[in-house]
Amino acid sequence: MTSQTAAEGRISPLPPSLPPRGLSRVQAAAYIGVSASLFDQMVADGRMPKPTRISSRTIWDRRKVDAAFSALSADDLNPWDEE
């Protein structure tokens, strides 16, 4: 079974249970729950990894994004997001 990716508006050949390894800027931002502009700031200040270029594509490695997110301290979290 195939699934459609909302961000790209096309059918994905990957099963829904297999997340892509490479994420676009918008996907990477959504993956960690922030806006694309905040994600850009986090890349610029080193809290998130820099992307990899593959031909004309700019892609973030999901595993590196995971590691960077795990490394964020509690001070980096927004207190308004806590319940």
PDB file of N, CA and C in Angstrom:
ATOM      1  N   MET A   1       0.846  -1.180   0.000  1.00  0.00           N
ATOM      2  CA  MET A   1       0.000   0.000   0.000  1.00  0.00           C
ATOM      3  C   MET A   1       0.887   1.238   0.000  1.00  0.00           C
ATOM      4  N   THR A   2       0.496   2.245  -0.739  1.00  0.00           N
ATOM      5  CA  THR A   2       1.256   3.487  -0.786  1.00  0.00           C
ATOM      6  C   THR A   2       0.512   4.567  -0.017  1.00  0.00           C
ATOM      7  N   SER A   3       1.247   5.586   0.357  1.00  0.00           N
ATOM      8  CA  SER A   3       0.631   6.709   1.063  1.00  0.00           C
ATOM      9  C   SER A   3       1.002   8.001   0.357  1.00  0.00           C
ATOM     10  N   GLN A   4       0.169   9.002   0.525  1.00  0.00           N
ATOM     11  CA  GLN A   4       0.435  10.301  -0.079  1.00  0.00           C
ATOM     12  C   GLN A   4       1.072  11.198   0.955  1.00  0.00           C
ATOM     13  N   THR A   5       2.145  11.890   0.577  1.00  0.00           N
ATOM     14  CA  THR A   5       2.775  12.832   1.480  1.00  0.00           C
ATOM     15  C   THR A   5       2.114  14.179   1.287  1.00  0.00           C
ATOM     16  N   ALA A   6       1.590  14.743   2.365  1.00  0.00           N
ATOM     17  CA  ALA A   6       0.865  16.012   2.285  1.00  0.00           C
ATOM     18  C   ALA A   6       1.779  17.148   1.850  1.00  0.00           C
ATOM     19  N   ALA A   7       3.013  17.141   2.334  1.00  0.00           N
ATOM     20  CA  ALA A   7       3.926  18.242   2.031  1.00  0.00           C
ATOM     21  C   ALA A   7       4.285  18.287   0.548  1.00  0.00           C
ATOM     22  N   GLU A   8       4.339  17.148  -0.091  1.00  0.00           N
ATOM     23  CA  GLU A   8       4.775  17.111  -1.473  1.00  0.00           C
ATOM     24  C   GLU A   8       3.644  16.797  -2.437  1.00  0.00           C
ATOM     25  N   GLY A   9       2.495  16.372  -1.927  1.00  0.00           N
ATOM     26  CA  GLY A   9       1.338  16.121  -2.769  1.00  0.00           C
ATOM     27  C   GLY A   9       1.523  15.005  -3.773  1.00  0.00           C
ATOM     28  N   ARG A  10       2.308  14.007  -3.432  1.00  0.00           N
ATOM     29  CA  ARG A  10       2.499  12.891  -4.356  1.00  0.00           C
ATOM     30  C   ARG A  10       2.461  11.579  -3.588  1.00  0.00           C
ATOM     31  N   ILE A  11       2.306  10.506  -4.310  1.00  0.00           N
ATOM     32  CA  ILE A  11       2.242   9.181  -3.717  1.00  0.00           C
ATOM     33  C   ILE A  11       3.655   8.742  -3.337  1.00  0.00           C
ATOM     34  N   SER A  12       3.819   8.217  -2.121  1.00  0.00           N
ATOM     35  CA  SER A  12       5.111   7.736  -1.661  1.00  0.00           C
ATOM     36  C   SER A  12       5.220   6.236  -1.912  1.00  0.00           C
ATOM     37  N   PRO A  13       6.353   5.773  -2.414  1.00  0.00           N
ATOM     38  CA  PRO A  13       6.538   4.338  -2.601  1.00  0.00           C
ATOM     39  C   PRO A  13       6.857   3.622  -1.288  1.00  0.00           C
ATOM     40  N   LEU A  14       7.142   4.387  -0.221  1.00  0.00           N
ATOM     41  CA  LEU A  14       7.458   3.790   1.072  1.00  0.00           C
ATOM     42  C   LEU A  14       6.188   3.424   1.827  1.00  0.00           C
ATOM     43  N   PRO A  15       6.217   2.333   2.546  1.00  0.00           N
ATOM     44  CA  PRO A  15       5.060   2.021   3.392  1.00  0.00           C
ATOM     45  C   PRO A  15       4.987   3.046   4.533  1.00  0.00           C
ATOM     46  N   PRO A  16       3.786   3.337   5.036  1.00  0.00           N
ATOM     47  CA  PRO A  16       3.648   4.329   6.112  1.00  0.00           C
ATOM     48  C   PRO A  16       4.463   3.993   7.357  1.00  0.00           C
ATOM     49  N   SER A  17       4.768   2.711   7.571  1.00  0.00           N
ATOM     50  CA  SER A  17       5.543   2.303   8.741  1.00  0.00           C
ATOM     51  C   SER A  17       7.038   2.584   8.595  1.00  0.00           C
ATOM     52  N   LEU A  18       7.490   2.980   7.417  1.00  0.00           N
ATOM     53  CA  LEU A  18       8.907   3.250   7.178  1.00  0.00           C
ATOM     54  C   LEU A  18       9.095   4.735   6.892  1.00  0.00           C
ATOM     55  N   PRO A  19       9.513   5.510   7.902  1.00  0.00           N
ATOM     56  CA  PRO A  19       9.705   6.938   7.668  1.00  0.00           C
ATOM     57  C   PRO A  19      10.914   7.177   6.770  1.00  0.00           C
ATOM     58  N   PRO A  20      10.893   8.240   5.987  1.00  0.00           N
ATOM     59  CA  PRO A  20      12.043   8.521   5.127  1.00  0.00           C
ATOM     60  C   PRO A  20      13.265   8.887   5.957  1.00  0.00           C
ATOM     61  N   ARG A  21      14.439   8.558   5.487  1.00  0.00           N
ATOM     62  CA  ARG A  21      15.685   8.915   6.176  1.00  0.00           C
ATOM     63  C   ARG A  21      16.011  10.372   5.945  1.00  0.00           C
ATOM     64  N   GLY A  22      15.766  10.873   4.724  1.00  0.00           N
ATOM     65  CA  GLY A  22      16.042  12.263   4.389  1.00  0.00           C
ATOM     66  C   GLY A  22      14.782  13.094   4.476  1.00  0.00           C
ATOM     67  N   LEU A  23      14.904  14.266   5.119  1.00  0.00           N
ATOM     68  CA  LEU A  23      13.757  15.155   5.289  1.00  0.00           C
ATOM     69  C   LEU A  23      14.027  16.505   4.633  1.00  0.00           C
ATOM     70  N   SER A  24      13.000  17.055   4.019  1.00  0.00           N
ATOM     71  CA  SER A  24      13.113  18.420   3.515  1.00  0.00           C
ATOM     72  C   SER A  24      13.132  19.374   4.708  1.00  0.00           C
ATOM     73  N   ARG A  25      13.414  20.622   4.475  1.00  0.00           N
ATOM     74  CA  ARG A  25      13.443  21.640   5.535  1.00  0.00           C
ATOM     75  C   ARG A  25      12.103  21.691   6.267  1.00  0.00           C
ATOM     76  N   VAL A  26      11.016  21.748   5.517  1.00  0.00           N
ATOM     77  CA  VAL A  26       9.678  21.827   6.115  1.00  0.00           C
ATOM     78  C   VAL A  26       9.366  20.552   6.887  1.00  0.00           C
ATOM     79  N   GLN A  27       9.722  19.396   6.329  1.00  0.00           N
ATOM     80  CA  GLN A  27       9.486  18.128   7.020  1.00  0.00           C
ATOM     81  C   GLN A  27      10.309  18.034   8.301  1.00  0.00           C
ATOM     82  N   ALA A  28      11.576  18.455   8.247  1.00  0.00           N
ATOM     83  CA  ALA A  28      12.438  18.392   9.431  1.00  0.00           C
ATOM     84  C   ALA A  28      11.901  19.293  10.538  1.00  0.00           C
ATOM     85  N   ALA A  29      11.436  20.478  10.167  1.00  0.00           N
ATOM     86  CA  ALA A  29      10.857  21.397  11.159  1.00  0.00           C
ATOM     87  C   ALA A  29       9.608  20.785  11.783  1.00  0.00           C
ATOM     88  N   ALA A  30       8.737  20.253  10.954  1.00  0.00           N
ATOM     89  CA  ALA A  30       7.510  19.631  11.462  1.00  0.00           C
ATOM     90  C   ALA A  30       7.835  18.412  12.320  1.00  0.00           C
ATOM     91  N   TYR A  31       8.869  17.684  11.961  1.00  0.00           N
ATOM     92  CA  TYR A  31       9.273  16.481  12.683  1.00  0.00           C
ATOM     93  C   TYR A  31       9.608  16.791  14.139  1.00  0.00           C
ATOM     94  N   ILE A  32      10.259  17.955  14.376  1.00  0.00           N
ATOM     95  CA  ILE A  32      10.592  18.300  15.764  1.00  0.00           C
ATOM     96  C   ILE A  32       9.568  19.246  16.381  1.00  0.00           C
ATOM     97  N   GLY A  33       8.544  19.626  15.610  1.00  0.00           N
ATOM     98  CA  GLY A  33       7.444  20.401  16.168  1.00  0.00           C
ATOM     99  C   GLY A  33       7.651  21.894  16.221  1.00  0.00           C
ATOM    100  N   VAL A  34       8.450  22.436  15.292  1.00  0.00           N
ATOM    101  CA  VAL A  34       8.672  23.881  15.253  1.00  0.00           C
ATOM    102  C   VAL A  34       8.376  24.406  13.846  1.00  0.00           C
ATOM    103  N   SER A  35       8.295  25.716  13.733  1.00  0.00           N
ATOM    104  CA  SER A  35       8.092  26.326  12.418  1.00  0.00           C
ATOM    105  C   SER A  35       9.375  26.235  11.603  1.00  0.00           C
ATOM    106  N   ALA A  36       9.248  26.394  10.301  1.00  0.00           N
ATOM    107  CA  ALA A  36      10.418  26.347   9.422  1.00  0.00           C
ATOM    108  C   ALA A  36      11.387  27.481   9.758  1.00  0.00           C
ATOM    109  N   SER A  37      10.863  28.656  10.112  1.00  0.00           N
ATOM    110  CA  SER A  37      11.756  29.775  10.432  1.00  0.00           C
ATOM    111  C   SER A  37      12.524  29.522  11.731  1.00  0.00           C
ATOM    112  N   LEU A  38      11.881  28.931  12.737  1.00  0.00           N
ATOM    113  CA  LEU A  38      12.594  28.590  13.966  1.00  0.00           C
ATOM    114  C   LEU A  38      13.607  27.490  13.689  1.00  0.00           C
ATOM    115  N   PHE A  39      13.254  26.527  12.849  1.00  0.00           N
ATOM    116  CA  PHE A  39      14.195  25.474  12.482  1.00  0.00           C
ATOM    117  C   PHE A  39      15.432  26.086  11.824  1.00  0.00           C
ATOM    118  N   ASP A  40      15.232  27.069  10.942  1.00  0.00           N
ATOM    119  CA  ASP A  40      16.366  27.756  10.308  1.00  0.00           C
ATOM    120  C   ASP A  40      17.277  28.390  11.359  1.00  0.00           C
ATOM    121  N   GLN A  41      16.685  29.027  12.363  1.00  0.00           N
ATOM    122  CA  GLN A  41      17.472  29.640  13.449  1.00  0.00           C
ATOM    123  C   GLN A  41      18.258  28.580  14.212  1.00  0.00           C
ATOM    124  N   MET A  42      17.608  27.444  14.447  1.00  0.00           N
ATOM    125  CA  MET A  42      18.260  26.364  15.189  1.00  0.00           C
ATOM    126  C   MET A  42      19.419  25.758  14.398  1.00  0.00           C
ATOM    127  N   VAL A  43      19.292  25.690  13.087  1.00  0.00           N
ATOM    128  CA  VAL A  43      20.396  25.222  12.238  1.00  0.00           C
ATOM    129  C   VAL A  43      21.522  26.248  12.287  1.00  0.00           C
ATOM    130  N   ALA A  44      21.169  27.527  12.183  1.00  0.00           N
ATOM    131  CA  ALA A  44      22.177  28.594  12.170  1.00  0.00           C
ATOM    132  C   ALA A  44      22.962  28.654  13.475  1.00  0.00           C
ATOM    133  N   ASP A  45      22.288  28.419  14.611  1.00  0.00           N
ATOM    134  CA  ASP A  45      23.003  28.514  15.900  1.00  0.00           C
ATOM    135  C   ASP A  45      23.551  27.172  16.384  1.00  0.00           C
ATOM    136  N   GLY A  46      23.410  26.120  15.565  1.00  0.00           N
ATOM    137  CA  GLY A  46      24.035  24.844  15.867  1.00  0.00           C
ATOM    138  C   GLY A  46      23.200  23.879  16.696  1.00  0.00           C
ATOM    139  N   ARG A  47      21.971  24.260  17.044  1.00  0.00           N
ATOM    140  CA  ARG A  47      21.136  23.330  17.812  1.00  0.00           C
ATOM    141  C   ARG A  47      20.612  22.195  16.945  1.00  0.00           C
ATOM    142  N   MET A  48      20.494  22.421  15.653  1.00  0.00           N
ATOM    143  CA  MET A  48      20.092  21.390  14.697  1.00  0.00           C
ATOM    144  C   MET A  48      21.221  21.241  13.674  1.00  0.00           C
ATOM    145  N   PRO A  49      21.341  20.056  13.077  1.00  0.00           N
ATOM    146  CA  PRO A  49      22.443  19.816  12.135  1.00  0.00           C
ATOM    147  C   PRO A  49      22.260  20.560  10.821  1.00  0.00           C
ATOM    148  N   LYS A  50      23.371  20.747  10.136  1.00  0.00           N
ATOM    149  CA  LYS A  50      23.327  21.327   8.797  1.00  0.00           C
ATOM    150  C   LYS A  50      22.830  20.257   7.825  1.00  0.00           C
ATOM    151  N   PRO A  51      22.242  20.682   6.721  1.00  0.00           N
ATOM    152  CA  PRO A  51      21.730  19.713   5.749  1.00  0.00           C
ATOM    153  C   PRO A  51      22.830  19.112   4.884  1.00  0.00           C
ATOM    154  N   THR A  52      22.447  18.090   4.147  1.00  0.00           N
ATOM    155  CA  THR A  52      23.293  17.461   3.142  1.00  0.00           C
ATOM    156  C   THR A  52      22.735  17.847   1.782  1.00  0.00           C
ATOM    157  N   ARG A  53      23.613  18.153   0.848  1.00  0.00           N
ATOM    158  CA  ARG A  53      23.180  18.443  -0.516  1.00  0.00           C
ATOM    159  C   ARG A  53      23.305  17.175  -1.347  1.00  0.00           C
ATOM    160  N   ILE A  54      22.229  16.817  -2.015  1.00  0.00           N
ATOM    161  CA  ILE A  54      22.228  15.707  -2.961  1.00  0.00           C
ATOM    162  C   ILE A  54      21.711  16.280  -4.272  1.00  0.00           C
ATOM    163  N   SER A  55      22.639  16.487  -5.196  1.00  0.00           N
ATOM    164  CA  SER A  55      22.340  17.192  -6.450  1.00  0.00           C
ATOM    165  C   SER A  55      21.734  18.542  -6.104  1.00  0.00           C
ATOM    166  N   SER A  56      20.510  18.802  -6.518  1.00  0.00           N
ATOM    167  CA  SER A  56      19.905  20.101  -6.238  1.00  0.00           C
ATOM    168  C   SER A  56      19.052  20.095  -4.977  1.00  0.00           C
ATOM    169  N   ARG A  57      18.984  18.937  -4.299  1.00  0.00           N
ATOM    170  CA  ARG A  57      18.139  18.809  -3.099  1.00  0.00           C
ATOM    171  C   ARG A  57      18.930  19.118  -1.829  1.00  0.00           C
ATOM    172  N   THR A  58      18.284  19.765  -0.888  1.00  0.00           N
ATOM    173  CA  THR A  58      18.833  20.014   0.441  1.00  0.00           C
ATOM    174  C   THR A  58      18.041  19.133   1.403  1.00  0.00           C
ATOM    175  N   ILE A  59      18.734  18.219   2.074  1.00  0.00           N
ATOM    176  CA  ILE A  59      18.067  17.194   2.874  1.00  0.00           C
ATOM    177  C   ILE A  59      18.720  17.080   4.251  1.00  0.00           C
ATOM    178  N   TRP A  60      17.874  16.942   5.273  1.00  0.00           N
ATOM    179  CA  TRP A  60      18.348  16.688   6.635  1.00  0.00           C
ATOM    180  C   TRP A  60      18.226  15.211   6.934  1.00  0.00           C
ATOM    181  N   ASP A  61      19.260  14.651   7.532  1.00  0.00           N
ATOM    182  CA  ASP A  61      19.270  13.251   7.938  1.00  0.00           C
ATOM    183  C   ASP A  61      18.416  13.124   9.207  1.00  0.00           C
ATOM    184  N   ARG A  62      17.377  12.328   9.129  1.00  0.00           N
ATOM    185  CA  ARG A  62      16.454  12.157  10.253  1.00  0.00           C
ATOM    186  C   ARG A  62      17.183  11.707  11.507  1.00  0.00           C
ATOM    187  N   ARG A  63      18.174  10.845  11.365  1.00  0.00           N
ATOM    188  CA  ARG A  63      18.916  10.349  12.539  1.00  0.00           C
ATOM    189  C   ARG A  63      19.716  11.466  13.204  1.00  0.00           C
ATOM    190  N   LYS A  64      20.304  12.355  12.396  1.00  0.00           N
ATOM    191  CA  LYS A  64      21.041  13.485  12.966  1.00  0.00           C
ATOM    192  C   LYS A  64      20.091  14.468  13.640  1.00  0.00           C
ATOM    193  N   VAL A  65      18.916  14.663  13.049  1.00  0.00           N
ATOM    194  CA  VAL A  65      17.903  15.530  13.665  1.00  0.00           C
ATOM    195  C   VAL A  65      17.460  14.928  14.994  1.00  0.00           C
ATOM    196  N   ASP A  66      17.257  13.608  15.024  1.00  0.00           N
ATOM    197  CA  ASP A  66      16.905  12.930  16.274  1.00  0.00           C
ATOM    198  C   ASP A  66      17.965  13.158  17.346  1.00  0.00           C
ATOM    199  N   ALA A  67      19.224  12.979  16.981  1.00  0.00           N
ATOM    200  CA  ALA A  67      20.318  13.130  17.945  1.00  0.00           C
ATOM    201  C   ALA A  67      20.392  14.567  18.465  1.00  0.00           C
ATOM    202  N   ALA A  68      20.241  15.545  17.564  1.00  0.00           N
ATOM    203  CA  ALA A  68      20.291  16.944  17.975  1.00  0.00           C
ATOM    204  C   ALA A  68      19.108  17.284  18.876  1.00  0.00           C
ATOM    205  N   PHE A  69      17.943  16.751  18.557  1.00  0.00           N
ATOM    206  CA  PHE A  69      16.765  17.001  19.387  1.00  0.00           C
ATOM    207  C   PHE A  69      16.954  16.399  20.777  1.00  0.00           C
ATOM    208  N   SER A  70      17.515  15.209  20.843  1.00  0.00           N
ATOM    209  CA  SER A  70      17.764  14.562  22.128  1.00  0.00           C
ATOM    210  C   SER A  70      18.777  15.331  22.962  1.00  0.00           C
ATOM    211  N   ALA A  71      19.684  16.032  22.290  1.00  0.00           N
ATOM    212  CA  ALA A  71      20.729  16.786  22.992  1.00  0.00           C
ATOM    213  C   ALA A  71      20.250  18.139  23.516  1.00  0.00           C
ATOM    214  N   LEU A  72      19.068  18.582  23.091  1.00  0.00           N
ATOM    215  CA  LEU A  72      18.565  19.861  23.573  1.00  0.00           C
ATOM    216  C   LEU A  72      18.360  19.780  25.084  1.00  0.00           C
ATOM    217  N   SER A  73      18.766  20.817  25.782  1.00  0.00           N
ATOM    218  CA  SER A  73      18.563  20.833  27.229  1.00  0.00           C
ATOM    219  C   SER A  73      17.164  21.332  27.539  1.00  0.00           C
ATOM    220  N   ALA A  74      16.745  21.140  28.759  1.00  0.00           N
ATOM    221  CA  ALA A  74      15.429  21.624  29.191  1.00  0.00           C
ATOM    222  C   ALA A  74      15.332  23.139  29.052  1.00  0.00           C
ATOM    223  N   ASP A  75      16.466  23.845  29.100  1.00  0.00           N
ATOM    224  CA  ASP A  75      16.460  25.294  28.943  1.00  0.00           C
ATOM    225  C   ASP A  75      16.060  25.717  27.543  1.00  0.00           C
ATOM    226  N   ASP A  76      16.259  24.825  26.560  1.00  0.00           N
ATOM    227  CA  ASP A  76      15.913  25.136  25.182  1.00  0.00           C
ATOM    228  C   ASP A  76      14.427  24.950  24.895  1.00  0.00           C
ATOM    229  N   LEU A  77      13.711  24.283  25.806  1.00  0.00           N
ATOM    230  CA  LEU A  77      12.302  24.001  25.589  1.00  0.00           C
ATOM    231  C   LEU A  77      11.446  25.195  25.978  1.00  0.00           C
ATOM    232  N   ASN A  78      10.330  25.333  25.305  1.00  0.00           N
ATOM    233  CA  ASN A  78       9.387  26.426  25.555  1.00  0.00           C
ATOM    234  C   ASN A  78       8.515  26.063  26.750  1.00  0.00           C
ATOM    235  N   PRO A  79       8.550  26.836  27.845  1.00  0.00           N
ATOM    236  CA  PRO A  79       7.738  26.491  29.018  1.00  0.00           C
ATOM    237  C   PRO A  79       6.236  26.538  28.741  1.00  0.00           C
ATOM    238  N   TRP A  80       5.828  27.281  27.728  1.00  0.00           N
ATOM    239  CA  TRP A  80       4.404  27.351  27.375  1.00  0.00           C
ATOM    240  C   TRP A  80       3.902  26.062  26.761  1.00  0.00           C
ATOM    241  N   ASP A  81       4.832  25.221  26.265  1.00  0.00           N
ATOM    242  CA  ASP A  81       4.444  23.956  25.664  1.00  0.00           C
ATOM    243  C   ASP A  81       4.167  22.883  26.706  1.00  0.00           C
ATOM    244  N   GLU A  82       4.605  23.103  27.967  1.00  0.00           N
ATOM    245  CA  GLU A  82       4.394  22.108  29.011  1.00  0.00           C
ATOM    246  C   GLU A  82       2.952  22.134  29.484  1.00  0.00           C
ATOM    247  N   GLU A  83       2.458  20.972  29.829  1.00  0.00           N
ATOM    248  CA  GLU A  83       1.075  20.883  30.312  1.00  0.00           C
ATOM    249  C   GLU A  83       1.051  20.824  31.813  1.00  0.00           C
TER     250      GLU A  83
END
